[in-house]
């Protein structure tokens, strides 16, 4: 299987090795080299794996679809609902297999939580809490990730994963949302050392209300002084699920019985989850079968992100 990867950051360093480990022939092109992109697409790859910055997603996805290839696009799936809708509509019109890179679904911890929820282990889902603080952006130079107009911000980079996870776990849709966000550094030096204004958030706390009545509280930051182990808590009508650091999972019930699970294996590691997801994509292409997360899931998340960002705008 021939895969063209558009992206020299995450695409080259994480996605390319994952595809190669699955026995795929991989060609990597820079998203900013239009000539190289056109040449790679003209080679009729089986799949185009797009990991360019969000403001380039739409152009790359539409070009890949026009080439007749299957397409996998990274989150947050463009910079607006309009972008996401255009990409989704184009894929539906041509009938191309399409996938969204929400690889967190393939983490062993998330798969176990999903299994417990679907089995009714805690009854009807009522509320959930997600907390994830790290220092990934604290010392980073200015670039598109700090420019809101280019699709930057921690909401799109990380919050999109959690929004998709919530939609996936609940099988419902968001009807109301709101919250607050912050920018820890209003200016950062770029690669040349020149100070640039930061307009995209590096931390946010938001709440979601879903159609089925489920409520969620999400608190994320990439500007903390150090890494704090992430936590997730799900409250159901008959019990509670707690997940700590994606490794220690506890199922608690009213009768005080606790069931503990230790999540192990490569699928719980960053690279392992990505490889597991791409393995599913490869198999779906070979079987000519639909697979989620797809562009439909990207569009659903993009709608929530846009609604959230409107609520976060200060007068």
Foldseek 3Di string as FASTA:
>chain_A
DEEEEADDPCRVPFVVVLCVVVVYHYHYDYNVPVVVLLVVLLVVGQEYEYDHFQQSQLVSLLSNVVSVHAYEYEPLQHLFLVSLVNSVVSCVVSVHAFAYQLLVCQALLLVVVLVCLVVCVQNAWAEKEKEWEFQQCQQDADDLLQPSVRNHAPCTVPVLSVQLSVCSSNVWAFDDKEWEFDAPDQWGAHPVGDIDGGDYGQWIWMKTATPVNYIYIYTYGNRDPHGDWMWMWIHGPFWIWIDTNSAWIWIAGPVGDIDIDGDDDQCNDPSNSSSVVVVVVVVCSVVVHHDPPGSVSSSRSSVVVVNHVVNHDDD
